[in-house]
PDB file of N, CA and C in Angstrom:
ATOM      1  N   MET A   1      60.337  26.487-117.648  1.00  0.00           N
ATOM      2  CA  MET A   1      61.591  27.053-117.130  1.00  0.00           C
ATOM      3  C   MET A   1      61.942  28.882-117.675  1.00  0.00           C
ATOM      4  N   GLU A   2      60.807  29.221-118.691  1.00  0.00           N
ATOM      5  CA  GLU A   2      61.242  30.896-118.964  1.00  0.00           C
ATOM      6  C   GLU A   2      61.537  31.596-117.163  1.00  0.00           C
ATOM      7  N   ASN A   3      62.278  32.599-117.830  1.00  0.00           N
ATOM      8  CA  ASN A   3      62.840  33.651-117.052  1.00  0.00           C
ATOM      9  C   ASN A   3      62.698  34.935-117.308  1.00  0.00           C
ATOM     10  N   LYS A   4      61.953  35.655-117.455  1.00  0.00           N
ATOM     11  CA  LYS A   4      62.280  36.819-118.054  1.00  0.00           C
ATOM     12  C   LYS A   4      63.646  37.749-117.422  1.00  0.00           C
ATOM     13  N   ILE A   5      64.157  37.588-116.552  1.00  0.00           N
ATOM     14  CA  ILE A   5      65.357  38.025-116.329  1.00  0.00           C
ATOM     15  C   ILE A   5      66.473  37.524-117.049  1.00  0.00           C
ATOM     16  N   ASN A   6      66.520  36.015-117.496  1.00  0.00           N
ATOM     17  CA  ASN A   6      67.656  35.415-118.244  1.00  0.00           C
ATOM     18  C   ASN A   6      67.874  36.085-119.409  1.00  0.00           C
ATOM     19  N   HIS A   7      68.745  36.320-120.116  1.00  0.00           N
ATOM     20  CA  HIS A   7      69.092  36.800-121.709  1.00  0.00           C
ATOM     21  C   HIS A   7      68.096  36.314-122.529  1.00  0.00           C
ATOM     22  N   LYS A   8      67.212  37.003-123.228  1.00  0.00           N
ATOM     23  CA  LYS A   8      66.116  36.076-123.875  1.00  0.00           C
ATOM     24  C   LYS A   8      66.444  34.980-124.906  1.00  0.00           C
ATOM     25  N   GLY A   9      67.510  35.344-125.734  1.00  0.00           N
ATOM     26  CA  GLY A   9      68.075  34.852-127.009  1.00  0.00           C
ATOM     27  C   GLY A   9      68.208  32.928-126.077  1.00  0.00           C
ATOM     28  N   PHE A  10      69.210  33.400-125.159  1.00  0.00           N
ATOM     29  CA  PHE A  10      69.826  32.111-124.292  1.00  0.00           C
ATOM     30  C   PHE A  10      68.708  31.299-123.548  1.00  0.00           C
ATOM     31  N   ASP A  11      67.818  32.245-123.290  1.00  0.00           N
ATOM     32  CA  ASP A  11      66.410  31.775-122.453  1.00  0.00           C
ATOM     33  C   ASP A  11      65.457  30.865-123.181  1.00  0.00           C
ATOM     34  N   VAL A  12      65.504  31.424-124.656  1.00  0.00           N
ATOM     35  CA  VAL A  12      64.455  30.962-125.605  1.00  0.00           C
ATOM     36  C   VAL A  12      65.031  29.433-125.848  1.00  0.00           C
ATOM     37  N   THR A  13      66.088  29.172-126.200  1.00  0.00           N
ATOM     38  CA  THR A  13      66.734  28.772-126.693  1.00  0.00           C
ATOM     39  C   THR A  13      67.270  27.067-125.630  1.00  0.00           C
ATOM     40  N   ALA A  14      67.809  27.543-124.498  1.00  0.00           N
ATOM     41  CA  ALA A  14      67.499  26.651-123.338  1.00  0.00           C
ATOM     42  C   ALA A  14      65.647  25.954-123.168  1.00  0.00           C
ATOM     43  N   ASN A  15      64.764  26.796-123.184  1.00  0.00           N
ATOM     44  CA  ASN A  15      63.404  25.877-123.149  1.00  0.00           C
ATOM     45  C   ASN A  15      63.512  24.969-124.376  1.00  0.00           C
ATOM     46  N   ARG A  16      63.859  25.469-125.247  1.00  0.00           N
ATOM     47  CA  ARG A  16      64.012  24.167-126.208  1.00  0.00           C
ATOM     48  C   ARG A  16      64.574  23.008-126.359  1.00  0.00           C
ATOM     49  N   VAL A  17      65.577  23.571-126.017  1.00  0.00           N
ATOM     50  CA  VAL A  17      66.731  22.434-125.964  1.00  0.00           C
ATOM     51  C   VAL A  17      65.788  21.484-124.238  1.00  0.00           C
ATOM     52  N   LEU A  18      65.478  21.793-123.273  1.00  0.00           N
ATOM     53  CA  LEU A  18      64.848  21.428-122.220  1.00  0.00           C
ATOM     54  C   LEU A  18      63.237  20.726-122.947  1.00  0.00           C
ATOM     55  N   LYS A  19      62.849  20.952-123.846  1.00  0.00           N
ATOM     56  CA  LYS A  19      61.609  20.680-124.556  1.00  0.00           C
ATOM     57  C   LYS A  19      61.780  19.196-125.355  1.00  0.00           C
ATOM     58  N   GLU A  20      63.111  19.447-126.060  1.00  0.00           N
ATOM     59  CA  GLU A  20      63.512  18.160-127.206  1.00  0.00           C
ATOM     60  C   GLU A  20      63.793  17.035-125.945  1.00  0.00           C
ATOM     61  N   TYR A  21      64.462  17.653-125.127  1.00  0.00           N
ATOM     62  CA  TYR A  21      65.168  16.857-124.069  1.00  0.00           C
ATOM     63  C   TYR A  21      63.756  15.903-123.298  1.00  0.00           C
ATOM     64  N   GLU A  22      63.102  16.303-122.854  1.00  0.00           N
ATOM     65  CA  GLU A  22      61.994  15.558-122.287  1.00  0.00           C
ATOM     66  C   GLU A  22      61.174  15.191-123.564  1.00  0.00           C
ATOM     67  N   THR A  23      61.230  15.199-124.325  1.00  0.00           N
ATOM     68  CA  THR A  23      60.537  14.726-125.551  1.00  0.00           C
ATOM     69  C   THR A  23      61.449  13.654-125.893  1.00  0.00           C
ATOM     70  N   TYR A  24      62.433  13.314-126.021  1.00  0.00           N
ATOM     71  CA  TYR A  24      63.553  12.248-125.525  1.00  0.00           C
ATOM     72  C   TYR A  24      63.546  11.222-124.854  1.00  0.00           C
ATOM     73  N   VAL A  25      63.031  11.522-123.409  1.00  0.00           N
ATOM     74  CA  VAL A  25      63.156  10.952-122.275  1.00  0.00           C
ATOM     75  C   VAL A  25      61.751  10.156-122.604  1.00  0.00           C
ATOM     76  N   LYS A  26      60.517  10.317-122.912  1.00  0.00           N
ATOM     77  CA  LYS A  26      59.709  10.426-122.769  1.00  0.00           C
ATOM     78  C   LYS A  26      59.050   8.725-123.681  1.00  0.00           C
ATOM     79  N   GLU A  27      59.753   9.344-125.137  1.00  0.00           N
ATOM     80  CA  GLU A  27      59.871   8.612-126.057  1.00  0.00           C
ATOM     81  C   GLU A  27      60.223   7.017-125.975  1.00  0.00           C
ATOM     82  N   HIS A  28      61.874   7.526-125.122  1.00  0.00           N
ATOM     83  CA  HIS A  28      62.580   6.259-124.931  1.00  0.00           C
ATOM     84  C   HIS A  28      62.428   5.533-123.658  1.00  0.00           C
ATOM     85  N   LYS A  29      61.593   5.961-123.180  1.00  0.00           N
ATOM     86  CA  LYS A  29      60.819   5.224-121.384  1.00  0.00           C
ATOM     87  C   LYS A  29      62.047   5.484-120.781  1.00  0.00           C
ATOM     88  N   LEU A  30      62.695   6.806-120.712  1.00  0.00           N
ATOM     89  CA  LEU A  30      63.547   6.823-119.887  1.00  0.00           C
ATOM     90  C   LEU A  30      63.189   7.811-118.650  1.00  0.00           C
ATOM     91  N   ASP A  31      62.066   7.850-118.069  1.00  0.00           N
ATOM     92  CA  ASP A  31      61.531   8.595-117.188  1.00  0.00           C
ATOM     93  C   ASP A  31      60.859   8.150-116.577  1.00  0.00           C
ATOM     94  N   LYS A  32      61.314   6.750-115.665  1.00  0.00           N
ATOM     95  CA  LYS A  32      61.032   6.046-114.657  1.00  0.00           C
ATOM     96  C   LYS A  32      61.280   6.606-113.256  1.00  0.00           C
ATOM     97  N   SER A  33      60.546   6.640-112.308  1.00  0.00           N
ATOM     98  CA  SER A  33      60.447   7.571-110.831  1.00  0.00           C
ATOM     99  C   SER A  33      61.948   6.645-110.074  1.00  0.00           C
ATOM    100  N   ASN A  34      61.923   5.195-110.305  1.00  0.00           N
ATOM    101  CA  ASN A  34      62.545   4.536-109.491  1.00  0.00           C
ATOM    102  C   ASN A  34      64.180   4.303-110.157  1.00  0.00           C
ATOM    103  N   CYS A  35      64.566   4.916-110.809  1.00  0.00           N
ATOM    104  CA  CYS A  35      65.762   4.861-111.387  1.00  0.00           C
ATOM    105  C   CYS A  35      66.197   6.356-110.776  1.00  0.00           C
ATOM    106  N   LYS A  36      67.848   6.670-110.738  1.00  0.00           N
ATOM    107  CA  LYS A  36      68.400   7.329-110.106  1.00  0.00           C
ATOM    108  C   LYS A  36      68.602   8.163-111.831  1.00  0.00           C
ATOM    109  N   LYS A  37      68.999   9.365-111.849  1.00  0.00           N
ATOM    110  CA  LYS A  37      68.941   9.915-113.171  1.00  0.00           C
ATOM    111  C   LYS A  37      70.232  11.410-112.533  1.00  0.00           C
ATOM    112  N   SER A  38      71.182  11.082-113.919  1.00  0.00           N
ATOM    113  CA  SER A  38      72.391  12.038-113.933  1.00  0.00           C
ATOM    114  C   SER A  38      72.248  12.359-115.474  1.00  0.00           C
ATOM    115  N   ILE A  39      72.670  13.501-115.269  1.00  0.00           N
ATOM    116  CA  ILE A  39      73.081  14.585-116.669  1.00  0.00           C
ATOM    117  C   ILE A  39      74.056  15.287-117.007  1.00  0.00           C
ATOM    118  N   LEU A  40      74.976  15.038-117.620  1.00  0.00           N
ATOM    119  CA  LEU A  40      75.973  15.959-117.990  1.00  0.00           C
ATOM    120  C   LEU A  40      75.495  16.870-119.020  1.00  0.00           C
ATOM    121  N   ILE A  41      75.961  18.354-118.802  1.00  0.00           N
ATOM    122  CA  ILE A  41      75.719  18.878-120.122  1.00  0.00           C
ATOM    123  C   ILE A  41      76.996  20.252-119.970  1.00  0.00           C
ATOM    124  N   THR A  42      77.052  20.678-121.377  1.00  0.00           N
ATOM    125  CA  THR A  42      78.604  21.083-121.799  1.00  0.00           C
ATOM    126  C   THR A  42      78.461  21.843-122.226  1.00  0.00           C
ATOM    127  N   GLY A  43      79.430  22.776-122.645  1.00  0.00           N
ATOM    128  CA  GLY A  43      78.834  24.000-124.303  1.00  0.00           C
ATOM    129  C   GLY A  43      79.921  24.847-124.096  1.00  0.00           C
ATOM    130  N   HIS A  44      80.010  25.693-125.186  1.00  0.00           N
ATOM    131  CA  HIS A  44      81.614  26.511-125.344  1.00  0.00           C
ATOM    132  C   HIS A  44      80.560  27.775-125.748  1.00  0.00           C
ATOM    133  N   SER A  45      80.890  28.854-125.560  1.00  0.00           N
ATOM    134  CA  SER A  45      80.741  30.491-125.664  1.00  0.00           C
ATOM    135  C   SER A  45      78.620  30.393-125.851  1.00  0.00           C
ATOM    136  N   ARG A  46      78.074  30.402-127.143  1.00  0.00           N
ATOM    137  CA  ARG A  46      76.574  30.328-126.712  1.00  0.00           C
ATOM    138  C   ARG A  46      76.189  29.590-125.718  1.00  0.00           C
ATOM    139  N   GLY A  47      76.773  28.344-126.207  1.00  0.00           N
ATOM    140  CA  GLY A  47      76.345  27.101-126.093  1.00  0.00           C
ATOM    141  C   GLY A  47      76.422  26.668-124.528  1.00  0.00           C
ATOM    142  N   ALA A  48      77.740  27.657-123.717  1.00  0.00           N
ATOM    143  CA  ALA A  48      77.169  27.700-122.627  1.00  0.00           C
ATOM    144  C   ALA A  48      76.712  28.468-121.891  1.00  0.00           C
ATOM    145  N   ALA A  49      76.066  29.581-121.941  1.00  0.00           N
ATOM    146  CA  ALA A  49      75.236  30.349-122.057  1.00  0.00           C
ATOM    147  C   ALA A  49      74.202  29.630-121.682  1.00  0.00           C
ATOM    148  N   ILE A  50      73.639  28.359-123.028  1.00  0.00           N
ATOM    149  CA  ILE A  50      72.507  27.518-122.683  1.00  0.00           C
ATOM    150  C   ILE A  50      72.991  26.392-121.500  1.00  0.00           C
ATOM    151  N   ALA A  51      73.940  26.219-121.647  1.00  0.00           N
ATOM    152  CA  ALA A  51      74.092  25.100-120.803  1.00  0.00           C
ATOM    153  C   ALA A  51      74.323  25.755-119.228  1.00  0.00           C
ATOM    154  N   ASN A  52      74.601  26.575-119.003  1.00  0.00           N
ATOM    155  CA  ASN A  52      74.578  27.143-117.510  1.00  0.00           C
ATOM    156  C   ASN A  52      72.960  27.336-116.992  1.00  0.00           C
ATOM    157  N   LEU A  53      72.124  27.766-118.086  1.00  0.00           N
ATOM    158  CA  LEU A  53      70.761  28.032-117.877  1.00  0.00           C
ATOM    159  C   LEU A  53      70.006  26.460-117.688  1.00  0.00           C
ATOM    160  N   LEU A  54      70.520  25.457-118.204  1.00  0.00           N
ATOM    161  CA  LEU A  54      70.266  24.098-117.952  1.00  0.00           C
ATOM    162  C   LEU A  54      70.303  23.448-116.829  1.00  0.00           C
ATOM    163  N   GLY A  55      71.675  23.987-116.828  1.00  0.00           N
ATOM    164  CA  GLY A  55      72.343  23.563-115.553  1.00  0.00           C
ATOM    165  C   GLY A  55      71.741  23.951-114.098  1.00  0.00           C
ATOM    166  N   ALA A  56      71.500  24.917-114.210  1.00  0.00           N
ATOM    167  CA  ALA A  56      70.558  25.702-112.962  1.00  0.00           C
ATOM    168  C   ALA A  56      69.722  25.047-113.127  1.00  0.00           C
ATOM    169  N   HIS A  57      68.621  24.428-113.777  1.00  0.00           N
ATOM    170  CA  HIS A  57      67.253  24.249-113.948  1.00  0.00           C
ATOM    171  C   HIS A  57      67.387  22.645-113.127  1.00  0.00           C
ATOM    172  N   PHE A  58      69.142  21.769-113.999  1.00  0.00           N
ATOM    173  CA  PHE A  58      68.652  20.826-113.587  1.00  0.00           C
ATOM    174  C   PHE A  58      69.010  20.475-112.239  1.00  0.00           C
ATOM    175  N   GLU A  59      70.135  21.743-111.676  1.00  0.00           N
ATOM    176  CA  GLU A  59      70.102  21.661-110.233  1.00  0.00           C
ATOM    177  C   GLU A  59      69.313  21.346-109.202  1.00  0.00           C
ATOM    178  N   LYS A  60      68.163  22.345-109.798  1.00  0.00           N
ATOM    179  CA  LYS A  60      67.391  22.764-108.612  1.00  0.00           C
ATOM    180  C   LYS A  60      66.069  21.119-108.640  1.00  0.00           C
ATOM    181  N   ASP A  61      66.236  20.686-109.373  1.00  0.00           N
ATOM    182  CA  ASP A  61      64.742  19.269-110.186  1.00  0.00           C
ATOM    183  C   ASP A  61      65.852  18.306-108.748  1.00  0.00           C
ATOM    184  N   LYS A  62      65.040  17.800-107.770  1.00  0.00           N
ATOM    185  CA  LYS A  62      65.826  17.230-107.265  1.00  0.00           C
ATOM    186  C   LYS A  62      65.722  15.419-106.986  1.00  0.00           C
ATOM    187  N   GLU A  63      65.333  15.767-108.515  1.00  0.00           N
ATOM    188  CA  GLU A  63      65.091  13.930-109.100  1.00  0.00           C
ATOM    189  C   GLU A  63      66.609  13.494-110.324  1.00  0.00           C
ATOM    190  N   TYR A  64      67.228  14.904-110.356  1.00  0.00           N
ATOM    191  CA  TYR A  64      68.581  14.709-110.991  1.00  0.00           C
ATOM    192  C   TYR A  64      69.573  14.778-110.138  1.00  0.00           C
ATOM    193  N   LYS A  65      71.364  14.176-110.371  1.00  0.00           N
ATOM    194  CA  LYS A  65      72.120  14.932-110.266  1.00  0.00           C
ATOM    195  C   LYS A  65      72.959  15.536-111.422  1.00  0.00           C
ATOM    196  N   SER A  66      72.791  16.549-111.587  1.00  0.00           N
ATOM    197  CA  SER A  66      73.309  17.084-112.372  1.00  0.00           C
ATOM    198  C   SER A  66      74.793  17.957-112.670  1.00  0.00           C
ATOM    199  N   TYR A  67      76.149  17.264-113.822  1.00  0.00           N
ATOM    200  CA  TYR A  67      77.027  18.310-113.852  1.00  0.00           C
ATOM    201  C   TYR A  67      77.162  18.766-114.843  1.00  0.00           C
ATOM    202  N   THR A  68      77.938  20.148-114.930  1.00  0.00           N
ATOM    203  CA  THR A  68      77.783  20.888-116.153  1.00  0.00           C
ATOM    204  C   THR A  68      78.891  21.630-115.994  1.00  0.00           C
ATOM    205  N   TYR A  69      79.642  21.821-117.229  1.00  0.00           N
ATOM    206  CA  TYR A  69      81.010  22.353-117.404  1.00  0.00           C
ATOM    207  C   TYR A  69      80.901  22.937-118.517  1.00  0.00           C
ATOM    208  N   THR A  70      81.127  23.847-119.048  1.00  0.00           N
ATOM    209  CA  THR A  70      81.145  25.115-119.929  1.00  0.00           C
ATOM    210  C   THR A  70      82.530  25.849-120.198  1.00  0.00           C
ATOM    211  N   PHE A  71      82.804  26.411-120.977  1.00  0.00           N
ATOM    212  CA  PHE A  71      84.062  27.331-121.835  1.00  0.00           C
ATOM    213  C   PHE A  71      83.742  28.494-122.338  1.00  0.00           C
ATOM    214  N   ALA A  72      84.430  29.675-121.996  1.00  0.00           N
ATOM    215  CA  ALA A  72      84.279  30.841-122.450  1.00  0.00           C
ATOM    216  C   ALA A  72      82.319  31.060-122.323  1.00  0.00           C
ATOM    217  N   SER A  73      81.592  30.817-121.657  1.00  0.00           N
ATOM    218  CA  SER A  73      80.158  31.320-121.546  1.00  0.00           C
ATOM    219  C   SER A  73      80.666  32.827-121.155  1.00  0.00           C
ATOM    220  N   PRO A  74      79.674  33.344-122.060  1.00  0.00           N
ATOM    221  CA  PRO A  74      79.020  35.058-121.767  1.00  0.00           C
ATOM    222  C   PRO A  74      77.945  34.707-120.513  1.00  0.00           C
ATOM    223  N   SER A  75      77.878  36.554-120.100  1.00  0.00           N
ATOM    224  CA  SER A  75      76.784  36.231-118.657  1.00  0.00           C
ATOM    225  C   SER A  75      75.349  35.810-119.702  1.00  0.00           C
ATOM    226  N   THR A  76      74.475  35.190-118.334  1.00  0.00           N
ATOM    227  CA  THR A  76      73.312  35.035-119.384  1.00  0.00           C
ATOM    228  C   THR A  76      72.000  35.638-118.746  1.00  0.00           C
ATOM    229  N   THR A  77      72.520  35.949-117.257  1.00  0.00           N
ATOM    230  CA  THR A  77      71.186  36.400-116.827  1.00  0.00           C
ATOM    231  C   THR A  77      71.277  38.132-116.229  1.00  0.00           C
ATOM    232  N   THR A  78      70.261  38.743-115.842  1.00  0.00           N
ATOM    233  CA  THR A  78      70.712  40.098-115.141  1.00  0.00           C
ATOM    234  C   THR A  78      70.004  39.838-113.509  1.00  0.00           C
ATOM    235  N   ASP A  79      69.816  38.632-113.155  1.00  0.00           N
ATOM    236  CA  ASP A  79      69.686  38.734-111.794  1.00  0.00           C
ATOM    237  C   ASP A  79      70.561  38.868-111.098  1.00  0.00           C
ATOM    238  N   SER A  80      70.327  40.277-110.454  1.00  0.00           N
ATOM    239  CA  SER A  80      71.115  40.847-109.395  1.00  0.00           C
ATOM    240  C   SER A  80      71.780  39.472-108.348  1.00  0.00           C
ATOM    241  N   ASP A  81      71.100  38.964-108.022  1.00  0.00           N
ATOM    242  CA  ASP A  81      71.592  38.176-106.799  1.00  0.00           C
ATOM    243  C   ASP A  81      72.133  36.375-107.517  1.00  0.00           C
ATOM    244  N   ALA A  82      72.341  36.550-108.584  1.00  0.00           N
ATOM    245  CA  ALA A  82      72.488  35.484-109.138  1.00  0.00           C
ATOM    246  C   ALA A  82      73.993  35.067-109.071  1.00  0.00           C
ATOM    247  N   SER A  83      74.846  36.408-108.538  1.00  0.00           N
ATOM    248  CA  SER A  83      76.231  35.538-107.824  1.00  0.00           C
ATOM    249  C   SER A  83      75.813  35.083-106.469  1.00  0.00           C
ATOM    250  N   ASN A  84      75.145  35.433-105.797  1.00  0.00           N
ATOM    251  CA  ASN A  84      74.792  34.696-104.018  1.00  0.00           C
ATOM    252  C   ASN A  84      74.548  33.219-104.360  1.00  0.00           C
ATOM    253  N   LYS A  85      74.247  32.965-105.413  1.00  0.00           N
ATOM    254  CA  LYS A  85      73.428  31.741-105.291  1.00  0.00           C
ATOM    255  C   LYS A  85      74.543  30.537-105.333  1.00  0.00           C
ATOM    256  N   LYS A  86      74.285  29.396-104.719  1.00  0.00           N
ATOM    257  CA  LYS A  86      75.454  28.570-104.908  1.00  0.00           C
ATOM    258  C   LYS A  86      75.163  27.525-105.989  1.00  0.00           C
ATOM    259  N   TYR A  87      75.110  27.381-107.331  1.00  0.00           N
ATOM    260  CA  TYR A  87      75.012  26.830-108.157  1.00  0.00           C
ATOM    261  C   TYR A  87      76.742  25.819-107.966  1.00  0.00           C
ATOM    262  N   ASN A  88      76.697  24.544-107.286  1.00  0.00           N
ATOM    263  CA  ASN A  88      77.528  23.667-106.605  1.00  0.00           C
ATOM    264  C   ASN A  88      77.813  22.427-108.163  1.00  0.00           C
ATOM    265  N   SER A  89      77.211  22.282-108.814  1.00  0.00           N
ATOM    266  CA  SER A  89      77.299  21.381-110.213  1.00  0.00           C
ATOM    267  C   SER A  89      77.884  22.020-111.411  1.00  0.00           C
ATOM    268  N   ILE A  90      77.478  23.987-111.041  1.00  0.00           N
ATOM    269  CA  ILE A  90      78.069  24.233-112.966  1.00  0.00           C
ATOM    270  C   ILE A  90      79.170  24.910-112.432  1.00  0.00           C
ATOM    271  N   LYS A  91      80.049  24.685-113.015  1.00  0.00           N
ATOM    272  CA  LYS A  91      81.574  25.072-113.339  1.00  0.00           C
ATOM    273  C   LYS A  91      81.970  25.301-114.741  1.00  0.00           C
ATOM    274  N   ASN A  92      82.520  26.707-114.541  1.00  0.00           N
ATOM    275  CA  ASN A  92      82.692  27.738-115.601  1.00  0.00           C
ATOM    276  C   ASN A  92      84.595  27.589-115.882  1.00  0.00           C
ATOM    277  N   ILE A  93      85.018  27.250-117.330  1.00  0.00           N
ATOM    278  CA  ILE A  93      85.901  27.442-117.157  1.00  0.00           C
ATOM    279  C   ILE A  93      86.416  28.400-118.110  1.00  0.00           C
ATOM    280  N   VAL A  94      87.210  29.674-117.764  1.00  0.00           N
ATOM    281  CA  VAL A  94      87.345  30.892-118.338  1.00  0.00           C
ATOM    282  C   VAL A  94      89.552  31.308-118.726  1.00  0.00           C
ATOM    283  N   ASN A  95      89.624  31.354-120.189  1.00  0.00           N
ATOM    284  CA  ASN A  95      90.672  31.938-120.111  1.00  0.00           C
ATOM    285  C   ASN A  95      91.078  33.375-119.581  1.00  0.00           C
ATOM    286  N   GLU A  96      91.787  33.319-118.756  1.00  0.00           N
ATOM    287  CA  GLU A  96      91.958  35.124-118.838  1.00  0.00           C
ATOM    288  C   GLU A  96      92.770  35.749-119.467  1.00  0.00           C
ATOM    289  N   ASP A  97      93.086  35.422-120.733  1.00  0.00           N
ATOM    290  CA  ASP A  97      93.697  35.943-122.008  1.00  0.00           C
ATOM    291  C   ASP A  97      92.443  36.425-122.877  1.00  0.00           C
ATOM    292  N   ASP A  98      91.151  35.713-122.668  1.00  0.00           N
ATOM    293  CA  ASP A  98      90.257  36.223-123.715  1.00  0.00           C
ATOM    294  C   ASP A  98      90.024  37.552-123.390  1.00  0.00           C
ATOM    295  N   LEU A  99      89.864  38.543-124.336  1.00  0.00           N
ATOM    296  CA  LEU A  99      89.180  39.872-124.336  1.00  0.00           C
ATOM    297  C   LEU A  99      87.642  39.534-124.183  1.00  0.00           C
TER     298      LEU A  99
END
């Protein structure tokens, strides 16, 4: 999942979380291909940035139905096309009063 146009710290951490998630799925034999897979990803602030990167990853994975909800997420990428991409499963909640 490594992506050089993402913020390095967020990208590194998202990859670590993804690796741990994949290990957990294998250890608990949850990787059966004949079952529906859903994933709920949430986060606040730095966790929200990581959740957004993971949400984008899982939205592209056709084996999953993903739901991502974040609060106060910073920008995670320098991809100039990111705002044009449709990430329908990612919902970012922002308080307009936050600086």
